[in-house]
C-alpha atoms as a PDB file:
ATOM      1  CA  MET A   1     -59.245   2.409  17.702  1.00  0.00           C
ATOM      2  CA  LEU A   2     -63.456   2.966  17.297  1.00  0.00           C
ATOM      3  CA  GLY A   3     -63.453  -0.152  15.235  1.00  0.00           C
ATOM      4  CA  ASN A   4     -62.696  -3.496  16.453  1.00  0.00           C
ATOM      5  CA  THR A   5     -64.177  -5.482  13.205  1.00  0.00           C
ATOM      6  CA  ARG A   6     -64.452  -4.913   9.646  1.00  0.00           C
ATOM      7  CA  VAL A   7     -68.241  -4.825   9.309  1.00  0.00           C
ATOM      8  CA  GLU A   8     -67.715  -1.452  11.370  1.00  0.00           C
ATOM      9  CA  THR A   9     -65.307  -0.662   9.586  1.00  0.00           C
ATOM     10  CA  THR A  10     -66.079  -0.442   5.694  1.00  0.00           C
ATOM     11  CA  ASN A  11     -66.298   2.288   3.425  1.00  0.00           C
ATOM     12  CA  LEU A  12     -68.542   1.886  -0.197  1.00  0.00           C
ATOM     13  CA  TYR A  13     -67.438   3.298  -2.976  1.00  0.00           C
ATOM     14  CA  THR A  14     -68.439   3.035  -7.020  1.00  0.00           C
ATOM     15  CA  GLN A  15     -65.923   3.568  -8.881  1.00  0.00           C
ATOM     16  CA  GLU A  16     -67.334   4.639 -12.333  1.00  0.00           C
ATOM     17  CA  VAL A  17     -64.898   3.845 -15.819  1.00  0.00           C
ATOM     18  CA  ILE A  18     -65.304   5.085 -19.396  1.00  0.00           C
ATOM     19  CA  THR A  19     -65.634   1.400 -21.633  1.00  0.00           C
ATOM     20  CA  LYS A  20     -64.104   3.189 -24.838  1.00  0.00           C
ATOM     21  CA  PRO A  21     -60.727   2.672 -24.596  1.00  0.00           C
ATOM     22  CA  MET A  22     -60.758  -0.909 -23.291  1.00  0.00           C
ATOM     23  CA  ASP A  23     -63.298  -1.749 -26.253  1.00  0.00           C
ATOM     24  CA  GLU A  24     -60.198  -0.229 -28.927  1.00  0.00           C
ATOM     25  CA  TYR A  25     -57.868  -2.622 -26.686  1.00  0.00           C
ATOM     26  CA  ILE A  26     -60.000  -5.581 -26.904  1.00  0.00           C
ATOM     27  CA  ALA A  27     -60.652  -4.830 -30.741  1.00  0.00           C
ATOM     28  CA  LYS A  28     -57.107  -4.433 -31.252  1.00  0.00           C
ATOM     29  CA  LYS A  29     -55.506  -6.919 -29.519  1.00  0.00           C
ATOM     30  CA  SER A  30     -58.677  -9.173 -31.047  1.00  0.00           C
ATOM     31  CA  LYS A  31     -57.469  -7.904 -34.331  1.00  0.00           C
ATOM     32  CA  GLU A  32     -53.557  -8.326 -34.249  1.00  0.00           C
ATOM     33  CA  ASP A  33     -53.448 -11.331 -31.812  1.00  0.00           C
ATOM     34  CA  GLY A  34     -56.271 -13.380 -31.580  1.00  0.00           C
ATOM     35  CA  VAL A  35     -56.679 -12.584 -28.199  1.00  0.00           C
ATOM     36  CA  GLU A  36     -59.940 -12.029 -27.025  1.00  0.00           C
ATOM     37  CA  TYR A  37     -60.162 -10.388 -24.495  1.00  0.00           C
ATOM     38  CA  THR A  38     -62.830  -9.393 -21.183  1.00  0.00           C
ATOM     39  CA  TYR A  39     -63.472  -6.867 -19.164  1.00  0.00           C
ATOM     40  CA  ARG A  40     -63.514  -8.572 -16.396  1.00  0.00           C
ATOM     41  CA  ASP A  41     -59.735  -9.788 -18.065  1.00  0.00           C
ATOM     42  CA  ILE A  42     -58.527  -6.009 -17.675  1.00  0.00           C
ATOM     43  CA  ALA A  43     -60.460  -5.597 -14.694  1.00  0.00           C
ATOM     44  CA  ILE A  44     -58.462  -8.340 -12.563  1.00  0.00           C
ATOM     45  CA  ALA A  45     -54.815  -7.588 -14.447  1.00  0.00           C
ATOM     46  CA  THR A  46     -55.614  -4.116 -13.361  1.00  0.00           C
ATOM     47  CA  LEU A  47     -55.832  -4.687  -9.600  1.00  0.00           C
ATOM     48  CA  VAL A  48     -52.911  -7.339  -9.418  1.00  0.00           C
ATOM     49  CA  ARG A  49     -51.721  -4.440 -10.622  1.00  0.00           C
ATOM     50  CA  VAL A  50     -52.598  -1.972  -8.719  1.00  0.00           C
ATOM     51  CA  PHE A  51     -52.110  -4.173  -4.976  1.00  0.00           C
ATOM     52  CA  TYR A  52     -48.110  -4.532  -6.365  1.00  0.00           C
ATOM     53  CA  LEU A  53     -48.056  -0.621  -6.977  1.00  0.00           C
ATOM     54  CA  ARG A  54     -50.094  -0.484  -4.008  1.00  0.00           C
ATOM     55  CA  PRO A  55     -48.838  -2.399  -1.062  1.00  0.00           C
ATOM     56  CA  HIS A  56     -51.141  -0.416   1.424  1.00  0.00           C
ATOM     57  CA  LEU A  57     -53.554  -2.405  -0.315  1.00  0.00           C
ATOM     58  CA  ASN A  58     -52.632  -5.574   0.809  1.00  0.00           C
ATOM     59  CA  ARG A  59     -52.608  -5.549   4.447  1.00  0.00           C
ATOM     60  CA  PHE A  60     -55.055  -7.196   6.508  1.00  0.00           C
ATOM     61  CA  VAL A  61     -55.381  -7.030  10.258  1.00  0.00           C
ATOM     62  CA  TYR A  62     -55.778  -9.983  12.989  1.00  0.00           C
ATOM     63  CA  ARG A  63     -56.801  -8.571  16.950  1.00  0.00           C
ATOM     64  CA  GLY A  64     -55.504  -4.828  16.159  1.00  0.00           C
ATOM     65  CA  ASN A  65     -52.350  -6.013  14.499  1.00  0.00           C
ATOM     66  CA  PHE A  66     -51.461  -5.199  10.772  1.00  0.00           C
ATOM     67  CA  TYR A  67     -49.883  -7.473   8.414  1.00  0.00           C
ATOM     68  CA  GLN A  68     -48.468  -7.685   4.979  1.00  0.00           C
ATOM     69  CA  ARG A  69     -48.743 -10.493   2.450  1.00  0.00           C
ATOM     70  CA  ASN A  70     -46.217 -11.256  -0.043  1.00  0.00           C
ATOM     71  CA  TYR A  71     -48.624 -12.868  -2.733  1.00  0.00           C
ATOM     72  CA  ILE A  72     -51.377 -12.045  -3.747  1.00  0.00           C
ATOM     73  CA  ASP A  73     -54.946 -14.012  -3.955  1.00  0.00           C
ATOM     74  CA  ILE A  74     -58.127 -13.261  -6.040  1.00  0.00           C
ATOM     75  CA  ALA A  75     -60.783 -14.843  -5.359  1.00  0.00           C
ATOM     76  CA  ILE A  76     -63.425 -14.946  -7.921  1.00  0.00           C
ATOM     77  CA  VAL A  77     -67.528 -15.887  -7.429  1.00  0.00           C
ATOM     78  CA  MET A  78     -68.878 -18.188 -10.296  1.00  0.00           C
ATOM     79  CA  HIS A  79     -71.874 -19.830 -11.267  1.00  0.00           C
ATOM     80  CA  LYS A  80     -71.084 -23.603 -13.413  1.00  0.00           C
ATOM     81  CA  ASN A  81     -74.557 -22.246 -15.330  1.00  0.00           C
ATOM     82  CA  LEU A  82     -77.751 -19.780 -14.360  1.00  0.00           C
ATOM     83  CA  ARG A  83     -80.585 -22.115 -13.198  1.00  0.00           C
ATOM     84  CA  THR A  84     -81.916 -20.490 -10.678  1.00  0.00           C
ATOM     85  CA  GLY A  85     -80.917 -22.644  -7.005  1.00  0.00           C
ATOM     86  CA  GLU A  86     -77.340 -23.738  -8.727  1.00  0.00           C
ATOM     87  CA  GLN A  87     -74.356 -23.634  -5.854  1.00  0.00           C
ATOM     88  CA  GLU A  88     -72.098 -20.536  -6.765  1.00  0.00           C
ATOM     89  CA  THR A  89     -68.443 -21.599  -6.826  1.00  0.00           C
ATOM     90  CA  VAL A  90     -65.454 -19.419  -5.178  1.00  0.00           C
ATOM     91  CA  VAL A  91     -62.164 -19.835  -7.541  1.00  0.00           C
ATOM     92  CA  LYS A  92     -58.526 -18.866  -6.013  1.00  0.00           C
ATOM     93  CA  CYS A  93     -55.950 -17.162  -8.251  1.00  0.00           C
ATOM     94  CA  ARG A  94     -52.567 -16.503  -6.933  1.00  0.00           C
ATOM     95  CA  PHE A  95     -50.303 -14.040  -8.558  1.00  0.00           C
ATOM     96  CA  THR A  96     -47.016 -12.335  -7.874  1.00  0.00           C
ATOM     97  CA  GLY A  97     -48.339  -9.095  -9.305  1.00  0.00           C
ATOM     98  CA  LYS A  98     -45.675  -8.512 -11.656  1.00  0.00           C
ATOM     99  CA  GLU A  99     -47.728 -10.416 -14.302  1.00  0.00           C
ATOM    100  CA  THR A 100     -48.272  -9.139 -17.267  1.00  0.00           C
ATOM    101  CA  LEU A 101     -52.542  -9.056 -18.149  1.00  0.00           C
ATOM    102  CA  ARG A 102     -51.833 -12.390 -21.067  1.00  0.00           C
ATOM    103  CA  GLU A 103     -50.615 -13.673 -17.973  1.00  0.00           C
ATOM    104  CA  VAL A 104     -53.560 -13.251 -16.317  1.00  0.00           C
ATOM    105  CA  LYS A 105     -55.908 -14.093 -18.822  1.00  0.00           C
ATOM    106  CA  GLN A 106     -54.580 -17.424 -19.235  1.00  0.00           C
ATOM    107  CA  ILE A 107     -54.864 -17.932 -15.480  1.00  0.00           C
ATOM    108  CA  LEU A 108     -58.091 -16.713 -14.572  1.00  0.00           C
ATOM    109  CA  ASP A 109     -58.736 -18.768 -18.266  1.00  0.00           C
ATOM    110  CA  THR A 110     -57.028 -22.071 -16.912  1.00  0.00           C
ATOM    111  CA  THR A 111     -58.729 -21.791 -13.406  1.00  0.00           C
ATOM    112  CA  ILE A 112     -61.771 -21.223 -14.447  1.00  0.00           C
ATOM    113  CA  ILE A 113     -62.124 -24.049 -17.049  1.00  0.00           C
ATOM    114  CA  ARG A 114     -60.816 -25.778 -14.235  1.00  0.00           C
ATOM    115  CA  ALA A 115     -63.877 -25.320 -12.059  1.00  0.00           C
ATOM    116  CA  MET A 116     -66.069 -25.669 -15.011  1.00  0.00           C
ATOM    117  CA  THR A 117     -65.516 -29.465 -15.165  1.00  0.00           C
ATOM    118  CA  GLU A 118     -63.808 -30.625 -11.966  1.00  0.00           C
ATOM    119  CA  THR A 119     -65.433 -30.191  -8.460  1.00  0.00           C
ATOM    120  CA  VAL A 120     -63.008 -27.142  -6.699  1.00  0.00           C
ATOM    121  CA  GLU A 121     -61.667 -27.684  -2.826  1.00  0.00           C
ATOM    122  CA  THR A 122     -64.714 -24.778  -2.189  1.00  0.00           C
ATOM    123  CA  ASP A 123     -67.221 -27.243  -3.515  1.00  0.00           C
ATOM    124  CA  GLU A 124     -66.194 -30.132  -1.475  1.00  0.00           C
ATOM    125  CA  PHE A 125     -65.720 -28.149   1.967  1.00  0.00           C
ATOM    126  CA  VAL A 126     -69.699 -27.182   1.396  1.00  0.00           C
ATOM    127  CA  ASN A 127     -71.299 -30.351  -0.225  1.00  0.00           C
ATOM    128  CA  LYS A 128     -68.549 -32.653   2.462  1.00  0.00           C
ATOM    129  CA  ILE A 129     -68.912 -30.440   5.718  1.00  0.00           C
ATOM    130  CA  GLY A 130     -71.498 -27.681   5.403  1.00  0.00           C
ATOM    131  CA  SER A 131     -74.411 -29.560   3.622  1.00  0.00           C
ATOM    132  CA  LYS A 132     -74.551 -32.401   5.975  1.00  0.00           C
ATOM    133  CA  LEU A 133     -73.378 -32.024   9.191  1.00  0.00           C
ATOM    134  CA  PRO A 134     -76.619 -31.687  11.650  1.00  0.00           C
ATOM    135  CA  THR A 135     -76.986 -27.340  12.358  1.00  0.00           C
ATOM    136  CA  TRP A 136     -76.318 -27.420  16.116  1.00  0.00           C
ATOM    137  CA  LEU A 137     -72.583 -29.511  15.348  1.00  0.00           C
ATOM    138  CA  LEU A 138     -71.710 -27.251  12.077  1.00  0.00           C
ATOM    139  CA  ARG A 139     -72.142 -24.737  14.497  1.00  0.00           C
ATOM    140  CA  CYS A 140     -69.769 -26.246  16.980  1.00  0.00           C
ATOM    141  CA  ALA A 141     -67.157 -26.113  14.100  1.00  0.00           C
ATOM    142  CA  MET A 142     -67.791 -22.591  12.657  1.00  0.00           C
ATOM    143  CA  SER A 143     -67.166 -21.394  16.447  1.00  0.00           C
ATOM    144  CA  MET A 144     -63.810 -23.365  16.481  1.00  0.00           C
ATOM    145  CA  MET A 145     -63.258 -22.091  12.815  1.00  0.00           C
ATOM    146  CA  ARG A 146     -63.383 -18.838  14.518  1.00  0.00           C
ATOM    147  CA  TRP A 147     -61.357 -19.704  17.726  1.00  0.00           C
ATOM    148  CA  ALA A 148     -58.445 -20.787  15.078  1.00  0.00           C
ATOM    149  CA  ASP A 149     -58.860 -18.144  12.822  1.00  0.00           C
ATOM    150  CA  ARG A 150     -58.555 -15.669  15.291  1.00  0.00           C
ATOM    151  CA  TRP A 151     -56.007 -16.412  16.879  1.00  0.00           C
ATOM    152  CA  GLY A 152     -53.979 -17.590  13.547  1.00  0.00           C
ATOM    153  CA  LEU A 153     -54.208 -21.723  14.007  1.00  0.00           C
ATOM    154  CA  LEU A 154     -55.432 -22.291  10.781  1.00  0.00           C
ATOM    155  CA  SER A 155     -53.465 -24.038   7.530  1.00  0.00           C
ATOM    156  CA  ASP A 156     -52.073 -21.778   4.658  1.00  0.00           C
ATOM    157  CA  ASN A 157     -53.392 -25.081   2.896  1.00  0.00           C
ATOM    158  CA  PHE A 158     -56.597 -24.683   3.803  1.00  0.00           C
ATOM    159  CA  MET A 159     -56.454 -20.281   3.175  1.00  0.00           C
ATOM    160  CA  PHE A 160     -55.411 -20.331   0.164  1.00  0.00           C
ATOM    161  CA  THR A 161     -57.086 -24.093  -1.349  1.00  0.00           C
ATOM    162  CA  VAL A 162     -60.537 -23.797   0.206  1.00  0.00           C
ATOM    163  CA  SER A 163     -61.656 -20.611   2.546  1.00  0.00           C
ATOM    164  CA  PRO A 164     -62.971 -18.241  -0.015  1.00  0.00           C
ATOM    165  CA  PHE A 165     -62.436 -15.459   2.970  1.00  0.00           C
ATOM    166  CA  HIS A 166     -58.985 -15.554   3.084  1.00  0.00           C
ATOM    167  CA  THR A 167     -57.784 -13.935   0.231  1.00  0.00           C
ATOM    168  CA  SER A 168     -56.644  -9.958  -0.338  1.00  0.00           C
ATOM    169  CA  VAL A 169     -59.542  -9.598  -2.769  1.00  0.00           C
ATOM    170  CA  LEU A 170     -63.184 -10.450  -3.650  1.00  0.00           C
ATOM    171  CA  PHE A 171     -64.494 -10.273  -6.729  1.00  0.00           C
ATOM    172  CA  ALA A 172     -67.334 -10.873  -8.235  1.00  0.00           C
ATOM    173  CA  ASP A 173     -68.940 -10.668 -12.015  1.00  0.00           C
ATOM    174  CA  MET A 174     -72.426  -8.874 -11.335  1.00  0.00           C
ATOM    175  CA  LYS A 175     -72.034  -8.391 -15.418  1.00  0.00           C
ATOM    176  CA  SER A 176     -72.372 -11.938 -16.484  1.00  0.00           C
ATOM    177  CA  VAL A 177     -75.816 -12.041 -14.788  1.00  0.00           C
ATOM    178  CA  HIS A 178     -76.658  -8.681 -16.686  1.00  0.00           C
ATOM    179  CA  LEU A 179     -77.289  -6.402 -13.171  1.00  0.00           C
ATOM    180  CA  GLY A 180     -75.431  -3.462 -11.817  1.00  0.00           C
ATOM    181  CA  PRO A 181     -72.455  -3.342  -8.804  1.00  0.00           C
ATOM    182  CA  VAL A 182     -73.260  -3.967  -5.412  1.00  0.00           C
ATOM    183  CA  TRP A 183     -71.245  -3.398  -2.661  1.00  0.00           C
ATOM    184  CA  HIS A 184     -70.948  -5.908  -1.386  1.00  0.00           C
ATOM    185  CA  HIS A 185     -70.755  -6.728   2.204  1.00  0.00           C
ATOM    186  CA  MET A 186     -67.654  -7.993   5.137  1.00  0.00           C
ATOM    187  CA  TYR A 187     -66.995 -10.965   6.942  1.00  0.00           C
ATOM    188  CA  ASN A 188     -65.708 -10.896  10.568  1.00  0.00           C
ATOM    189  CA  PHE A 189     -64.001 -14.613   9.246  1.00  0.00           C
ATOM    190  CA  GLY A 190     -61.353 -14.829   7.179  1.00  0.00           C
ATOM    191  CA  ASN A 191     -58.920 -11.420   6.634  1.00  0.00           C
ATOM    192  CA  CYS A 192     -60.557 -10.248   3.109  1.00  0.00           C
ATOM    193  CA  GLY A 193     -60.588  -6.515   3.372  1.00  0.00           C
ATOM    194  CA  PHE A 194     -61.369  -5.671  -0.388  1.00  0.00           C
ATOM    195  CA  MET A 195     -64.441  -6.386  -2.519  1.00  0.00           C
ATOM    196  CA  ALA A 196     -65.113  -5.872  -6.352  1.00  0.00           C
ATOM    197  CA  CYS A 197     -68.296  -6.097  -7.394  1.00  0.00           C
ATOM    198  CA  MET A 198     -68.088  -5.814 -11.746  1.00  0.00           C
ATOM    199  CA  GLY A 199     -71.446  -4.359 -13.283  1.00  0.00           C
ATOM    200  CA  LYS A 200     -73.132  -4.293 -16.210  1.00  0.00           C
ATOM    201  CA  GLU A 201     -71.971  -1.540 -18.465  1.00  0.00           C
ATOM    202  CA  LYS A 202     -74.491   0.910 -19.355  1.00  0.00           C
ATOM    203  CA  LYS A 203     -74.915   4.762 -21.453  1.00  0.00           C
ATOM    204  CA  LYS A 204     -74.873   7.989 -18.499  1.00  0.00           C
ATOM    205  CA  ALA A 205     -74.883  11.365 -20.107  1.00  0.00           C
ATOM    206  CA  ILE A 206     -71.309  12.531 -19.205  1.00  0.00           C
ATOM    207  CA  VAL A 207     -69.919  16.597 -19.507  1.00  0.00           C
ATOM    208  CA  ASP A 208     -66.336  16.212 -22.783  1.00  0.00           C
ATOM    209  CA  VAL A 209     -64.382  18.453 -20.528  1.00  0.00           C
ATOM    210  CA  LYS A 210     -62.524  20.022 -24.544  1.00  0.00           C
ATOM    211  CA  THR A 211     -66.023  20.772 -26.392  1.00  0.00           C
ATOM    212  CA  ASN A 212     -68.357  21.537 -22.844  1.00  0.00           C
ATOM    213  CA  THR A 213     -71.105  19.592 -24.273  1.00  0.00           C
ATOM    214  CA  ILE A 214     -73.015  16.790 -22.583  1.00  0.00           C
ATOM    215  CA  GLN A 215     -71.753  13.350 -25.017  1.00  0.00           C
ATOM    216  CA  PRO A 216     -74.032  10.012 -24.064  1.00  0.00           C
ATOM    217  CA  THR A 217     -71.613   7.400 -22.405  1.00  0.00           C
ATOM    218  CA  GLN A 218     -70.404   4.179 -22.148  1.00  0.00           C
ATOM    219  CA  VAL A 219     -69.550   3.528 -18.861  1.00  0.00           C
ATOM    220  CA  LEU A 220     -68.556   0.035 -16.070  1.00  0.00           C
ATOM    221  CA  GLU A 221     -68.982   0.478 -12.777  1.00  0.00           C
ATOM    222  CA  LEU A 222     -67.096  -1.302  -9.927  1.00  0.00           C
ATOM    223  CA  GLY A 223     -68.325  -1.301  -6.152  1.00  0.00           C
ATOM    224  CA  ILE A 224     -66.007  -1.084  -3.626  1.00  0.00           C
ATOM    225  CA  SER A 225     -65.728  -2.061   0.146  1.00  0.00           C
ATOM    226  CA  MET A 226     -62.760  -1.761   2.212  1.00  0.00           C
ATOM    227  CA  ASP A 227     -61.593  -2.097   5.707  1.00  0.00           C
ATOM    228  CA  GLU A 228     -60.104   1.685   6.525  1.00  0.00           C
ATOM    229  CA  ARG A 229     -57.825   0.719   9.230  1.00  0.00           C
ATOM    230  CA  PHE A 230     -55.295  -0.261   6.868  1.00  0.00           C
ATOM    231  CA  ILE A 231     -55.882   2.746   3.831  1.00  0.00           C
ATOM    232  CA  ASP A 232     -55.910   6.375   4.884  1.00  0.00           C
ATOM    233  CA  GLY A 233     -57.995   8.466   2.808  1.00  0.00           C
ATOM    234  CA  LEU A 234     -55.679   9.625   1.112  1.00  0.00           C
ATOM    235  CA  THR A 235     -53.776   6.587  -0.227  1.00  0.00           C
ATOM    236  CA  TYR A 236     -57.248   5.386  -1.218  1.00  0.00           C
ATOM    237  CA  SER A 237     -57.411   8.244  -3.524  1.00  0.00           C
ATOM    238  CA  HIS A 238     -54.107   7.833  -5.212  1.00  0.00           C
ATOM    239  CA  VAL A 239     -55.253   3.899  -5.405  1.00  0.00           C
ATOM    240  CA  ILE A 240     -58.072   5.483  -7.574  1.00  0.00           C
ATOM    241  CA  LYS A 241     -55.943   7.236  -9.980  1.00  0.00           C
ATOM    242  CA  THR A 242     -54.134   4.414 -10.355  1.00  0.00           C
ATOM    243  CA  ILE A 243     -57.282   2.384 -11.441  1.00  0.00           C
ATOM    244  CA  GLU A 244     -58.473   5.218 -14.187  1.00  0.00           C
ATOM    245  CA  ARG A 245     -55.144   5.382 -14.946  1.00  0.00           C
ATOM    246  CA  ALA A 246     -54.616   2.342 -16.526  1.00  0.00           C
ATOM    247  CA  VAL A 247     -57.413   1.556 -17.754  1.00  0.00           C
ATOM    248  CA  ALA A 248     -56.935   4.670 -19.392  1.00  0.00           C
ATOM    249  CA  ASN A 249     -53.156   3.391 -21.128  1.00  0.00           C
ATOM    250  CA  LEU A 250     -53.889  -0.243 -21.473  1.00  0.00           C
ATOM    251  CA  THR A 251     -49.995  -0.825 -22.821  1.00  0.00           C
ATOM    252  CA  VAL A 252     -48.966   0.076 -19.969  1.00  0.00           C
ATOM    253  CA  LEU A 253     -50.155  -3.894 -19.029  1.00  0.00           C
ATOM    254  CA  GLU A 254     -49.037  -5.346 -21.099  1.00  0.00           C
ATOM    255  CA  ARG A 255     -45.148  -5.894 -19.762  1.00  0.00           C
ATOM    256  CA  ALA A 256     -44.106  -6.149 -16.204  1.00  0.00           C
ATOM    257  CA  PRO A 257     -43.645  -3.683 -13.755  1.00  0.00           C
ATOM    258  CA  GLU A 258     -39.982  -2.315 -13.022  1.00  0.00           C
ATOM    259  CA  GLU A 259     -38.064  -2.772  -9.410  1.00  0.00           C
ATOM    260  CA  ASP A 260     -38.653   0.901  -9.153  1.00  0.00           C
ATOM    261  CA  GLU A 261     -42.411   1.687 -10.519  1.00  0.00           C
ATOM    262  CA  ARG A 262     -43.295   1.464  -6.491  1.00  0.00           C
ATOM    263  CA  LYS A 263     -41.578   5.008  -6.147  1.00  0.00           C
ATOM    264  CA  TRP A 264     -43.572   5.761  -9.167  1.00  0.00           C
ATOM    265  CA  PRO A 265     -46.781   4.364  -9.989  1.00  0.00           C
ATOM    266  CA  TRP A 266     -47.396   4.370 -13.875  1.00  0.00           C
ATOM    267  CA  GLY A 267     -50.017   7.098 -14.923  1.00  0.00           C
ATOM    268  CA  THR A 268     -50.922   9.052 -18.338  1.00  0.00           C
ATOM    269  CA  PRO A 269     -47.839   9.380 -20.652  1.00  0.00           C
ATOM    270  CA  THR A 270     -47.149  13.075 -20.112  1.00  0.00           C
ATOM    271  CA  GLU A 271     -46.768  11.680 -16.422  1.00  0.00           C
ATOM    272  CA  MET A 272     -45.009   8.277 -17.808  1.00  0.00           C
ATOM    273  CA  LYS A 273     -42.433  11.021 -19.511  1.00  0.00           C
ATOM    274  CA  GLN A 274     -41.809  13.290 -16.034  1.00  0.00           C
ATOM    275  CA  ARG A 275     -41.632   9.739 -13.967  1.00  0.00           C
ATOM    276  CA  GLU A 276     -38.441   9.109 -16.664  1.00  0.00           C
ATOM    277  CA  LYS A 277     -37.163  12.912 -16.056  1.00  0.00           C
ATOM    278  CA  TRP A 278     -36.781  12.176 -12.321  1.00  0.00           C
ATOM    279  CA  LYS A 279     -35.348   8.642 -12.989  1.00  0.00           C
ATOM    280  CA  LYS A 280     -32.018  10.127 -14.654  1.00  0.00           C
ATOM    281  CA  GLN A 281     -32.358  13.142 -11.699  1.00  0.00           C
ATOM    282  CA  ASP A 282     -31.616  10.560  -8.999  1.00  0.00           C
ATOM    283  CA  ALA A 283     -29.061   8.877 -11.453  1.00  0.00           C
ATOM    284  CA  ARG A 284     -27.136  11.657 -11.878  1.00  0.00           C
ATOM    285  CA  LYS A 285     -27.186  12.473  -7.841  1.00  0.00           C
ATOM    286  CA  ALA A 286     -26.633   9.218  -7.356  1.00  0.00           C
ATOM    287  CA  ALA A 287     -23.446   9.302  -9.482  1.00  0.00           C
ATOM    288  CA  LYS A 288     -21.964  12.690  -7.751  1.00  0.00           C
ATOM    289  CA  LEU A 289     -22.161  11.358  -4.499  1.00  0.00           C
ATOM    290  CA  ALA A 290     -20.907   7.826  -5.560  1.00  0.00           C
ATOM    291  CA  LYS A 291     -17.966  10.677  -7.106  1.00  0.00           C
ATOM    292  CA  LYS A 292     -17.396  12.309  -3.976  1.00  0.00           C
ATOM    293  CA  VAL A 293     -17.379   9.107  -2.184  1.00  0.00           C
ATOM    294  CA  LYS A 294     -14.561   8.122  -4.039  1.00  0.00           C
ATOM    295  CA  LYS A 295     -12.902  11.495  -3.898  1.00  0.00           C
END
């Protein structure tokens, strides 16, 4: 393996998403159900579903060995207010991958409201240890933590409740501070190999393939940084296509995924009909095979 650290094996990518389907969906749900979804809710719900459908994404590398997580953790970088010099807060949410869009929103809202009104565990760690220890002692403590992290000696409670670096995804909403997306740098500490930064929406000239004309279109950009060691280019291409399909057809996030959807990830309506056809064909083949076995 040529790259030994996460920093050395980082790939950077910018994904553009047309916001029209999201805007129409948000307006529809606000009118019908009174639920106010945001781009952040949709982005995180999509990432949760994609990580479930593409479990290769939910891996990490320690000492040259590959490991698979049994859960999906999303760490969200946020500010309690927008005053200059205010300390960042990182909140973490744990998902199974089978949550609907509304369930993801409920988990996010509950966690963020708690972080806005209380001192969360990551704040306590920074305030009690990071900001009060002498520099030399802090360096010794961090060296010991890096050593313990390398050999898997950190507790599960520390990694989930305290450390923002042990997570499936580190998500930053740059839209909230009116900036475009950035490619967040990787950390060699921890096991996070996927970072996503959502930028502010903007107008862009895009060619409409149906009419062959240039149309001013509002797009949202997502800056993605990813450790290339646990996913190849073809799988990554499938991941990007899955994100595009999910945003274009958000109704799929209203239901929990089926057990076999990892084999046939949902896509466009035509592709979903094709998937149903394949499922029926497989069922008929299984039934024929069962009859032969009985004979």
